[in-house]
C-alpha cells in the first residue's frame, strides 16, 4: 500500500516499508483499541462513575482536542462534522439512559 511503502518518510521512527499485511494488522489493532476505549468511556457513564455533566464536559474537551490535532495536520474541524459527532454521542447517551430507565 502507499502508506506501507512510504511509512519511513511519514513517520521518523519507521525504518523500513511495511507490507500490506502489516498495515492491515496495524489497522485492525487500532480499531480494536478504539472499540475498547469507547467501551471504557461509555461504561463509566453507564455505571454511574461519571455523571451527565461530566461526560458532556469531556466530550466538548475531546472535540477541542480533535480540532487542535487537525490544525497540526493542516486541516480543520468543520462545524457540521462537529455537530454530527455530538449528535451521535447524544444518541448513545440517550440509549444508555433509556436502558437504565433514566430521563435524558
N, C-alpha and C. Protein backbone atom coordinates (compact mmCIF):
# COMPACT_ATOMS: atom_id res chain seq x y z
N UNK A 1 0.84 -1.18 0.00
CA UNK A 1 0.00 0.00 0.00
C UNK A 1 0.88 1.24 0.00
N UNK A 2 0.29 2.36 -0.37
CA UNK A 2 1.05 3.61 -0.40
C UNK A 2 1.59 3.92 0.99
N UNK A 3 0.75 3.77 2.01
CA UNK A 3 1.20 4.08 3.38
C UNK A 3 2.34 3.17 3.78
N UNK A 4 2.19 1.86 3.54
CA UNK A 4 3.25 0.92 3.91
C UNK A 4 4.57 1.23 3.23
N UNK A 5 4.51 1.57 1.96
CA UNK A 5 5.73 1.88 1.21
C UNK A 5 6.37 3.18 1.65
N UNK A 6 5.56 4.15 2.04
CA UNK A 6 6.07 5.48 2.37
C UNK A 6 6.18 5.76 3.86
N UNK A 7 5.93 4.75 4.68
CA UNK A 7 5.95 4.95 6.13
C UNK A 7 7.27 5.52 6.64
N UNK A 8 8.42 5.08 6.15
CA UNK A 8 9.67 5.68 6.64
C UNK A 8 9.76 7.19 6.40
N UNK A 9 9.11 7.68 5.34
CA UNK A 9 9.11 9.12 5.08
C UNK A 9 8.09 9.85 5.93
N UNK A 10 7.01 9.16 6.30
CA UNK A 10 5.92 9.77 7.06
C UNK A 10 6.23 9.79 8.55
N UNK A 11 6.74 8.68 9.05
CA UNK A 11 6.99 8.51 10.49
C UNK A 11 8.49 8.33 10.70
N UNK A 12 9.11 9.25 11.44
CA UNK A 12 10.56 9.23 11.59
C UNK A 12 11.14 7.94 12.17
N UNK A 13 10.39 7.25 13.05
CA UNK A 13 10.95 6.06 13.70
C UNK A 13 10.73 4.78 12.89
N UNK A 14 9.98 4.84 11.80
CA UNK A 14 9.80 3.68 10.93
C UNK A 14 11.01 3.60 10.01
N UNK A 15 11.72 2.50 10.10
CA UNK A 15 12.98 2.41 9.36
C UNK A 15 12.86 1.69 8.02
N UNK A 16 11.76 0.97 7.82
CA UNK A 16 11.60 0.25 6.55
C UNK A 16 10.13 0.23 6.15
N UNK A 17 9.88 -0.01 4.86
CA UNK A 17 8.49 -0.08 4.41
C UNK A 17 7.74 -1.23 5.09
N UNK A 18 6.43 -1.10 5.19
CA UNK A 18 5.59 -2.13 5.78
C UNK A 18 4.82 -2.83 4.67
N UNK A 19 4.62 -4.13 4.84
CA UNK A 19 3.85 -4.90 3.85
C UNK A 19 2.36 -4.60 4.00
N UNK A 20 1.61 -4.99 3.01
CA UNK A 20 0.15 -4.83 3.05
C UNK A 20 -0.42 -5.51 4.30
N UNK A 21 0.08 -6.70 4.62
CA UNK A 21 -0.39 -7.45 5.79
C UNK A 21 -0.08 -6.71 7.09
N UNK A 22 1.11 -6.14 7.18
CA UNK A 22 1.48 -5.40 8.39
C UNK A 22 0.60 -4.16 8.58
N UNK A 23 0.31 -3.46 7.49
CA UNK A 23 -0.57 -2.29 7.56
C UNK A 23 -1.97 -2.73 7.97
N UNK A 24 -2.45 -3.83 7.39
CA UNK A 24 -3.78 -4.35 7.73
C UNK A 24 -3.85 -4.76 9.20
N UNK A 25 -2.82 -5.42 9.70
CA UNK A 25 -2.79 -5.83 11.11
C UNK A 25 -2.78 -4.61 12.03
N UNK A 26 -2.01 -3.60 11.67
CA UNK A 26 -1.95 -2.39 12.49
C UNK A 26 -3.31 -1.69 12.49
N UNK A 27 -3.94 -1.64 11.34
CA UNK A 27 -5.26 -1.01 11.23
C UNK A 27 -6.28 -1.77 12.09
N UNK A 28 -6.25 -3.08 12.04
CA UNK A 28 -7.16 -3.91 12.83
C UNK A 28 -6.92 -3.71 14.33
N UNK A 29 -5.66 -3.68 14.73
CA UNK A 29 -5.33 -3.46 16.15
C UNK A 29 -5.79 -2.08 16.60
N UNK A 30 -5.63 -1.09 15.74
CA UNK A 30 -6.07 0.27 16.06
C UNK A 30 -7.58 0.32 16.28
N UNK A 31 -8.34 -0.33 15.39
CA UNK A 31 -9.80 -0.37 15.54
C UNK A 31 -10.20 -1.05 16.85
N UNK A 32 -9.49 -2.10 17.20
CA UNK A 32 -9.79 -2.82 18.45
C UNK A 32 -9.54 -1.90 19.65
N UNK A 33 -8.46 -1.14 19.62
CA UNK A 33 -8.16 -0.20 20.71
C UNK A 33 -9.22 0.89 20.81
N UNK A 34 -9.69 1.37 19.67
CA UNK A 34 -10.75 2.39 19.66
C UNK A 34 -12.01 1.83 20.30
N UNK A 35 -12.38 0.62 19.91
CA UNK A 35 -13.58 -0.02 20.45
C UNK A 35 -13.47 -0.19 21.96
N UNK A 36 -12.31 -0.64 22.42
CA UNK A 36 -12.10 -0.84 23.86
C UNK A 36 -12.13 0.48 24.62
N UNK A 37 -11.52 1.52 24.06
CA UNK A 37 -11.52 2.80 24.76
C UNK A 37 -12.93 3.39 24.78
N UNK A 38 -13.69 3.21 23.70
CA UNK A 38 -15.08 3.66 23.67
C UNK A 38 -15.92 2.93 24.70
N UNK A 39 -15.70 1.63 24.82
CA UNK A 39 -16.42 0.85 25.82
C UNK A 39 -16.11 1.35 27.22
N UNK A 40 -14.85 1.60 27.49
CA UNK A 40 -14.45 2.12 28.81
C UNK A 40 -15.09 3.48 29.06
N UNK A 41 -15.05 4.35 28.07
CA UNK A 41 -15.61 5.69 28.20
C UNK A 41 -17.10 5.65 28.52
N UNK A 42 -17.87 4.92 27.71
CA UNK A 42 -19.31 4.89 27.93
C UNK A 42 -19.70 4.06 29.14
N UNK A 43 -18.90 3.03 29.47
CA UNK A 43 -19.20 2.24 30.66
C UNK A 43 -19.10 3.10 31.92
N UNK A 44 -18.16 4.00 31.96
CA UNK A 44 -18.01 4.88 33.13
C UNK A 44 -19.30 5.67 33.36
N UNK A 45 -19.93 6.10 32.30
CA UNK A 45 -21.21 6.81 32.42
C UNK A 45 -22.32 5.83 32.79
N UNK A 46 -22.37 4.70 32.11
CA UNK A 46 -23.40 3.68 32.34
C UNK A 46 -23.38 3.20 33.79
N UNK A 47 -22.19 3.04 34.34
CA UNK A 47 -22.04 2.53 35.71
C UNK A 47 -22.20 3.62 36.77
N UNK A 48 -22.35 4.86 36.33
CA UNK A 48 -22.54 5.95 37.28
C UNK A 48 -21.24 6.48 37.87
N UNK A 49 -20.12 6.13 37.26
CA UNK A 49 -18.83 6.62 37.75
C UNK A 49 -18.62 8.09 37.40
N UNK A 50 -19.25 8.53 36.32
CA UNK A 50 -19.27 9.94 35.95
C UNK A 50 -20.72 10.30 35.62
N UNK A 51 -21.09 11.55 35.87
CA UNK A 51 -22.47 11.95 35.61
C UNK A 51 -22.58 12.61 34.23
N UNK A 52 -23.81 12.98 33.89
CA UNK A 52 -24.08 13.53 32.56
C UNK A 52 -23.28 14.81 32.31
N UNK A 53 -23.22 15.68 33.29
CA UNK A 53 -22.47 16.93 33.12
C UNK A 53 -20.99 16.65 32.87
N UNK A 54 -20.43 15.70 33.61
CA UNK A 54 -19.01 15.37 33.44
C UNK A 54 -18.74 14.79 32.06
N UNK A 55 -19.60 13.89 31.60
CA UNK A 55 -19.34 13.28 30.30
C UNK A 55 -19.48 14.31 29.18
N UNK A 56 -20.45 15.23 29.32
CA UNK A 56 -20.60 16.27 28.30
C UNK A 56 -19.40 17.21 28.28
N UNK A 57 -18.87 17.53 29.46
CA UNK A 57 -17.66 18.35 29.53
C UNK A 57 -16.49 17.64 28.86
N UNK A 58 -16.37 16.33 29.10
CA UNK A 58 -15.30 15.55 28.48
C UNK A 58 -15.45 15.53 26.96
N UNK A 59 -16.67 15.37 26.49
CA UNK A 59 -16.91 15.32 25.04
C UNK A 59 -16.52 16.64 24.39
N UNK A 60 -16.90 17.75 25.01
CA UNK A 60 -16.52 19.06 24.45
C UNK A 60 -15.00 19.23 24.44
N UNK A 61 -14.34 18.75 25.48
CA UNK A 61 -12.88 18.82 25.54
C UNK A 61 -12.26 17.97 24.44
N UNK A 62 -12.82 16.78 24.21
CA UNK A 62 -12.31 15.90 23.15
C UNK A 62 -12.45 16.55 21.79
N UNK A 63 -13.58 17.20 21.56
CA UNK A 63 -13.80 17.87 20.28
C UNK A 63 -12.78 18.99 20.09
N UNK A 64 -12.49 19.73 21.16
CA UNK A 64 -11.46 20.76 21.09
C UNK A 64 -10.10 20.15 20.77
N UNK A 65 -9.78 19.02 21.41
CA UNK A 65 -8.51 18.33 21.16
C UNK A 65 -8.42 17.86 19.71
N UNK A 66 -9.52 17.34 19.19
CA UNK A 66 -9.54 16.90 17.79
C UNK A 66 -9.27 18.08 16.87
N UNK A 67 -9.88 19.21 17.17
CA UNK A 67 -9.64 20.42 16.38
C UNK A 67 -8.17 20.81 16.38
N UNK A 68 -7.53 20.72 17.55
CA UNK A 68 -6.11 21.05 17.65
C UNK A 68 -5.26 20.08 16.84
N UNK A 69 -5.58 18.78 16.91
CA UNK A 69 -4.83 17.80 16.13
C UNK A 69 -4.99 18.05 14.63
N UNK A 70 -6.20 18.38 14.22
CA UNK A 70 -6.42 18.67 12.81
C UNK A 70 -5.65 19.90 12.36
N UNK A 71 -5.55 20.91 13.23
CA UNK A 71 -4.75 22.10 12.89
C UNK A 71 -3.29 21.73 12.68
N UNK A 72 -2.78 20.86 13.54
CA UNK A 72 -1.39 20.42 13.42
C UNK A 72 -1.18 19.72 12.08
N UNK A 73 -2.19 18.95 11.66
CA UNK A 73 -2.11 18.22 10.39
C UNK A 73 -2.40 19.11 9.18
N UNK A 74 -2.77 20.37 9.44
CA UNK A 74 -3.06 21.28 8.34
C UNK A 74 -4.51 21.28 7.91
N UNK A 75 -5.37 20.65 8.69
CA UNK A 75 -6.80 20.62 8.36
C UNK A 75 -7.58 21.44 9.36
N UNK A 76 -8.89 21.29 9.30
CA UNK A 76 -9.73 21.98 10.27
C UNK A 76 -10.98 21.15 10.53
N UNK A 77 -11.56 21.34 11.69
CA UNK A 77 -12.77 20.64 12.09
C UNK A 77 -13.97 21.46 11.63
N UNK A 78 -14.72 20.90 10.69
CA UNK A 78 -15.88 21.64 10.20
C UNK A 78 -16.98 21.64 11.25
N UNK A 79 -17.74 22.71 11.27
CA UNK A 79 -18.84 22.84 12.23
C UNK A 79 -19.86 21.73 12.04
N UNK A 80 -20.16 21.39 10.79
CA UNK A 80 -21.16 20.35 10.52
C UNK A 80 -20.69 18.99 11.03
N UNK A 81 -19.41 18.69 10.85
CA UNK A 81 -18.89 17.41 11.34
C UNK A 81 -18.89 17.38 12.86
N UNK A 82 -18.51 18.47 13.48
CA UNK A 82 -18.52 18.57 14.94
C UNK A 82 -19.93 18.34 15.47
N UNK A 83 -20.91 18.95 14.83
CA UNK A 83 -22.31 18.78 15.25
C UNK A 83 -22.77 17.34 15.05
N UNK A 84 -22.35 16.73 13.94
CA UNK A 84 -22.73 15.34 13.66
C UNK A 84 -22.18 14.41 14.73
N UNK A 85 -20.94 14.61 15.12
CA UNK A 85 -20.33 13.79 16.17
C UNK A 85 -21.08 13.98 17.49
N UNK A 86 -21.39 15.23 17.82
CA UNK A 86 -22.11 15.50 19.06
C UNK A 86 -23.49 14.85 19.06
N UNK A 87 -24.18 14.86 17.92
CA UNK A 87 -25.49 14.23 17.83
C UNK A 87 -25.40 12.71 17.99
N UNK A 88 -24.37 12.12 17.39
CA UNK A 88 -24.18 10.67 17.54
C UNK A 88 -23.93 10.30 19.00
N UNK A 89 -23.08 11.06 19.66
CA UNK A 89 -22.78 10.79 21.06
C UNK A 89 -24.01 11.02 21.93
N UNK A 90 -24.77 12.07 21.63
CA UNK A 90 -26.00 12.33 22.38
C UNK A 90 -26.97 11.16 22.24
N UNK A 91 -27.04 10.57 21.05
CA UNK A 91 -27.92 9.41 20.85
C UNK A 91 -27.45 8.22 21.67
N UNK A 92 -26.15 8.00 21.73
CA UNK A 92 -25.61 6.91 22.55
C UNK A 92 -25.97 7.14 24.02
N UNK A 93 -25.78 8.36 24.50
CA UNK A 93 -26.12 8.67 25.89
C UNK A 93 -27.61 8.47 26.14
N UNK A 94 -28.43 8.86 25.19
CA UNK A 94 -29.88 8.67 25.31
C UNK A 94 -30.21 7.19 25.41
N UNK A 95 -29.57 6.37 24.57
CA UNK A 95 -29.80 4.93 24.60
C UNK A 95 -29.37 4.33 25.94
N UNK A 96 -28.25 4.80 26.48
CA UNK A 96 -27.80 4.32 27.78
C UNK A 96 -28.81 4.70 28.85
N UNK A 97 -29.27 5.94 28.82
CA UNK A 97 -30.25 6.40 29.80
C UNK A 97 -31.54 5.61 29.71
N UNK A 98 -32.00 5.33 28.49
CA UNK A 98 -33.23 4.57 28.32
C UNK A 98 -33.05 3.14 28.83
N UNK A 99 -31.88 2.56 28.61
CA UNK A 99 -31.61 1.21 29.10
C UNK A 99 -31.62 1.17 30.62
N UNK A 100 -31.20 2.26 31.23
CA UNK A 100 -31.16 2.35 32.68
C UNK A 100 -32.44 2.90 33.28
N UNK A 101 -33.36 3.35 32.42
CA UNK A 101 -34.61 3.91 32.90
C UNK A 101 -34.51 5.36 33.35
N UNK A 102 -33.44 6.06 32.95
CA UNK A 102 -33.28 7.47 33.29
C UNK A 102 -33.94 8.33 32.23
N UNK A 103 -34.26 9.56 32.60
CA UNK A 103 -34.75 10.51 31.60
C UNK A 103 -33.55 11.28 31.07
N UNK A 104 -33.58 11.59 29.79
CA UNK A 104 -32.47 12.33 29.17
C UNK A 104 -32.96 13.68 28.78
